Amino acid sequence: MLELGRVYGGSPPVTIPLIQEEIAALAGASRATVNRVLREAENRGVVRLSRGKTTLLDESGMARLARVRSSDARG
């Protein structure tokens, strides 16, 4: 999401006009995993989910969430 935010705009809020299937394909993940991660990010106020797009609201919050998820996957 951070990379897509940079591609589609730079400073938040950045609207990323991709559906979750497309994000999953770019990330090498399943759509279900992308949905779960984005819902968690939405609950934390990091992104806003809409039909066919995701708006990145908090770049540093997304970076923190990515670090937490990365450390969870390792340990």
N, C-alpha and C. Protein backbone atom coordinates (compact mmCIF):
# COMPACT_ATOMS: atom_id res chain seq x y z
N MET A 1 0.82 -1.17 0.00
CA MET A 1 0.00 0.00 0.00
C MET A 1 0.88 1.25 0.00
N LEU A 2 1.97 1.21 0.71
CA LEU A 2 2.86 2.37 0.73
C LEU A 2 3.40 2.66 -0.66
N GLU A 3 3.84 1.64 -1.35
CA GLU A 3 4.35 1.83 -2.72
C GLU A 3 3.25 2.31 -3.66
N LEU A 4 2.07 1.72 -3.54
CA LEU A 4 0.96 2.16 -4.38
C LEU A 4 0.58 3.60 -4.08
N GLY A 5 0.66 3.99 -2.81
CA GLY A 5 0.40 5.38 -2.45
C GLY A 5 1.37 6.31 -3.13
N ARG A 6 2.62 5.92 -3.23
CA ARG A 6 3.63 6.74 -3.90
C ARG A 6 3.37 6.80 -5.40
N VAL A 7 2.98 5.67 -5.97
CA VAL A 7 2.69 5.63 -7.41
C VAL A 7 1.50 6.51 -7.77
N TYR A 8 0.46 6.46 -6.93
CA TYR A 8 -0.78 7.15 -7.26
C TYR A 8 -0.91 8.55 -6.68
N GLY A 9 0.11 9.05 -5.98
CA GLY A 9 -0.10 10.41 -5.53
C GLY A 9 0.91 11.05 -4.62
N GLY A 10 1.56 10.32 -3.77
CA GLY A 10 2.49 10.97 -2.87
C GLY A 10 1.95 11.12 -1.47
N SER A 11 1.63 12.35 -1.08
CA SER A 11 1.19 12.63 0.29
C SER A 11 -0.28 12.26 0.48
N PRO A 12 -0.58 11.62 1.61
CA PRO A 12 -1.97 11.26 1.91
C PRO A 12 -2.86 12.49 2.07
N PRO A 13 -4.13 12.38 1.80
CA PRO A 13 -4.80 11.15 1.35
C PRO A 13 -4.54 10.87 -0.12
N VAL A 14 -4.30 9.60 -0.43
CA VAL A 14 -4.05 9.16 -1.80
C VAL A 14 -5.07 8.08 -2.14
N THR A 15 -5.80 8.29 -3.22
CA THR A 15 -6.75 7.29 -3.68
C THR A 15 -6.06 6.33 -4.63
N ILE A 16 -6.16 5.04 -4.31
CA ILE A 16 -5.58 3.98 -5.12
C ILE A 16 -6.73 3.28 -5.84
N PRO A 17 -6.85 3.49 -7.15
CA PRO A 17 -8.02 3.00 -7.89
C PRO A 17 -7.91 1.55 -8.35
N LEU A 18 -7.59 0.67 -7.41
CA LEU A 18 -7.47 -0.75 -7.73
C LEU A 18 -8.41 -1.55 -6.84
N ILE A 19 -8.98 -2.62 -7.41
CA ILE A 19 -9.79 -3.51 -6.59
C ILE A 19 -8.86 -4.44 -5.80
N GLN A 20 -9.40 -5.05 -4.78
CA GLN A 20 -8.58 -5.89 -3.91
C GLN A 20 -7.93 -7.05 -4.64
N GLU A 21 -8.57 -7.59 -5.65
CA GLU A 21 -7.96 -8.66 -6.45
C GLU A 21 -6.68 -8.17 -7.12
N GLU A 22 -6.70 -6.94 -7.64
CA GLU A 22 -5.52 -6.38 -8.29
C GLU A 22 -4.40 -6.12 -7.29
N ILE A 23 -4.76 -5.62 -6.13
CA ILE A 23 -3.76 -5.39 -5.07
C ILE A 23 -3.16 -6.73 -4.65
N ALA A 24 -4.00 -7.74 -4.51
CA ALA A 24 -3.52 -9.07 -4.13
C ALA A 24 -2.55 -9.61 -5.17
N ALA A 25 -2.86 -9.46 -6.44
CA ALA A 25 -1.98 -9.94 -7.50
C ALA A 25 -0.63 -9.23 -7.45
N LEU A 26 -0.64 -7.92 -7.22
CA LEU A 26 0.61 -7.17 -7.13
C LEU A 26 1.43 -7.58 -5.91
N ALA A 27 0.75 -7.93 -4.82
CA ALA A 27 1.43 -8.29 -3.58
C ALA A 27 1.79 -9.77 -3.51
N GLY A 28 1.28 -10.57 -4.42
CA GLY A 28 1.51 -12.01 -4.36
C GLY A 28 0.79 -12.65 -3.19
N ALA A 29 -0.41 -12.13 -2.92
CA ALA A 29 -1.21 -12.62 -1.79
C ALA A 29 -2.61 -12.97 -2.28
N SER A 30 -3.38 -13.59 -1.42
CA SER A 30 -4.76 -13.88 -1.79
C SER A 30 -5.63 -12.64 -1.55
N ARG A 31 -6.77 -12.58 -2.22
CA ARG A 31 -7.68 -11.47 -2.02
C ARG A 31 -8.20 -11.46 -0.59
N ALA A 32 -8.41 -12.65 -0.03
CA ALA A 32 -8.89 -12.75 1.35
C ALA A 32 -7.88 -12.15 2.33
N THR A 33 -6.61 -12.41 2.11
CA THR A 33 -5.57 -11.84 2.97
C THR A 33 -5.53 -10.32 2.84
N VAL A 34 -5.59 -9.83 1.61
CA VAL A 34 -5.60 -8.38 1.38
C VAL A 34 -6.81 -7.76 2.06
N ASN A 35 -7.96 -8.39 1.94
CA ASN A 35 -9.17 -7.87 2.57
C ASN A 35 -9.01 -7.79 4.08
N ARG A 36 -8.47 -8.85 4.68
CA ARG A 36 -8.28 -8.89 6.13
C ARG A 36 -7.33 -7.78 6.59
N VAL A 37 -6.22 -7.62 5.89
CA VAL A 37 -5.23 -6.60 6.25
C VAL A 37 -5.81 -5.20 6.07
N LEU A 38 -6.52 -4.98 4.96
CA LEU A 38 -7.10 -3.65 4.71
C LEU A 38 -8.21 -3.34 5.70
N ARG A 39 -8.99 -4.32 6.09
CA ARG A 39 -10.04 -4.09 7.11
C ARG A 39 -9.41 -3.71 8.45
N GLU A 40 -8.32 -4.38 8.80
CA GLU A 40 -7.61 -4.03 10.03
C GLU A 40 -7.08 -2.59 9.93
N ALA A 41 -6.51 -2.26 8.79
CA ALA A 41 -6.00 -0.89 8.59
C ALA A 41 -7.13 0.13 8.64
N GLU A 42 -8.29 -0.23 8.10
CA GLU A 42 -9.44 0.68 8.14
C GLU A 42 -9.90 0.89 9.58
N ASN A 43 -9.93 -0.18 10.35
CA ASN A 43 -10.33 -0.08 11.76
C ASN A 43 -9.39 0.81 12.56
N ARG A 44 -8.14 0.89 12.12
CA ARG A 44 -7.14 1.73 12.79
C ARG A 44 -7.12 3.15 12.22
N GLY A 45 -7.94 3.42 11.21
CA GLY A 45 -7.99 4.76 10.62
C GLY A 45 -6.87 5.06 9.64
N VAL A 46 -6.21 4.01 9.16
CA VAL A 46 -5.08 4.17 8.26
C VAL A 46 -5.53 4.29 6.81
N VAL A 47 -6.58 3.57 6.45
CA VAL A 47 -7.14 3.62 5.10
C VAL A 47 -8.65 3.76 5.18
N ARG A 48 -9.23 4.16 4.06
CA ARG A 48 -10.69 4.16 3.91
C ARG A 48 -10.99 3.29 2.70
N LEU A 49 -11.84 2.30 2.88
CA LEU A 49 -12.19 1.38 1.80
C LEU A 49 -13.49 1.83 1.16
N SER A 50 -13.50 1.82 -0.16
CA SER A 50 -14.69 2.15 -0.94
C SER A 50 -14.75 1.16 -2.09
N ARG A 51 -15.87 1.13 -2.76
CA ARG A 51 -16.05 0.23 -3.89
C ARG A 51 -15.02 0.54 -4.98
N GLY A 52 -14.13 -0.41 -5.24
CA GLY A 52 -13.17 -0.28 -6.33
C GLY A 52 -11.99 0.63 -6.06
N LYS A 53 -11.82 1.06 -4.81
CA LYS A 53 -10.67 1.91 -4.50
C LYS A 53 -10.38 1.88 -3.01
N THR A 54 -9.16 2.23 -2.69
CA THR A 54 -8.71 2.34 -1.30
C THR A 54 -8.03 3.69 -1.17
N THR A 55 -8.34 4.41 -0.11
CA THR A 55 -7.69 5.69 0.13
C THR A 55 -6.75 5.54 1.30
N LEU A 56 -5.47 5.80 1.04
CA LEU A 56 -4.45 5.77 2.08
C LEU A 56 -4.52 7.10 2.83
N LEU A 57 -4.84 7.04 4.11
CA LEU A 57 -5.03 8.24 4.92
C LEU A 57 -3.81 8.56 5.78
N ASP A 58 -3.08 7.55 6.20
CA ASP A 58 -2.00 7.74 7.16
C ASP A 58 -0.82 6.86 6.77
N GLU A 59 0.15 7.47 6.10
CA GLU A 59 1.31 6.73 5.61
C GLU A 59 2.14 6.14 6.75
N SER A 60 2.37 6.91 7.80
CA SER A 60 3.17 6.39 8.91
C SER A 60 2.42 5.28 9.65
N GLY A 61 1.10 5.40 9.75
CA GLY A 61 0.30 4.35 10.36
C GLY A 61 0.37 3.06 9.55
N MET A 62 0.36 3.18 8.23
CA MET A 62 0.48 2.00 7.37
C MET A 62 1.86 1.38 7.53
N ALA A 63 2.89 2.20 7.63
CA ALA A 63 4.24 1.67 7.83
C ALA A 63 4.34 0.93 9.16
N ARG A 64 3.73 1.47 10.21
CA ARG A 64 3.74 0.79 11.52
C ARG A 64 3.01 -0.55 11.43
N LEU A 65 1.85 -0.54 10.78
CA LEU A 65 1.07 -1.77 10.63
C LEU A 65 1.86 -2.82 9.84
N ALA A 66 2.55 -2.39 8.80
CA ALA A 66 3.36 -3.31 7.99
C ALA A 66 4.48 -3.92 8.83
N ARG A 67 5.12 -3.10 9.68
CA ARG A 67 6.20 -3.63 10.53
C ARG A 67 5.65 -4.65 11.53
N VAL A 68 4.50 -4.36 12.11
CA VAL A 68 3.89 -5.28 13.08
C VAL A 68 3.54 -6.59 12.39
N ARG A 69 2.92 -6.52 11.23
CA ARG A 69 2.53 -7.73 10.51
C ARG A 69 3.76 -8.52 10.08
N SER A 70 4.83 -7.82 9.68
CA SER A 70 6.06 -8.48 9.26
C SER A 70 6.70 -9.21 10.44
N SER A 71 6.74 -8.58 11.60
CA SER A 71 7.32 -9.24 12.77
C SER A 71 6.45 -10.40 13.25
N ASP A 72 5.13 -10.30 13.09
CA ASP A 72 4.23 -11.40 13.43
C ASP A 72 4.49 -12.61 12.55
N ALA A 73 4.76 -12.36 11.27
CA ALA A 73 4.99 -13.44 10.32
C ALA A 73 6.30 -14.18 10.62
N ARG A 74 7.27 -13.45 11.17
CA ARG A 74 8.56 -14.06 11.47
C ARG A 74 8.56 -14.82 12.78
N GLY A 75 7.74 -14.40 13.73
CA GLY A 75 7.88 -15.00 15.03
C GLY A 75 6.68 -15.67 15.48
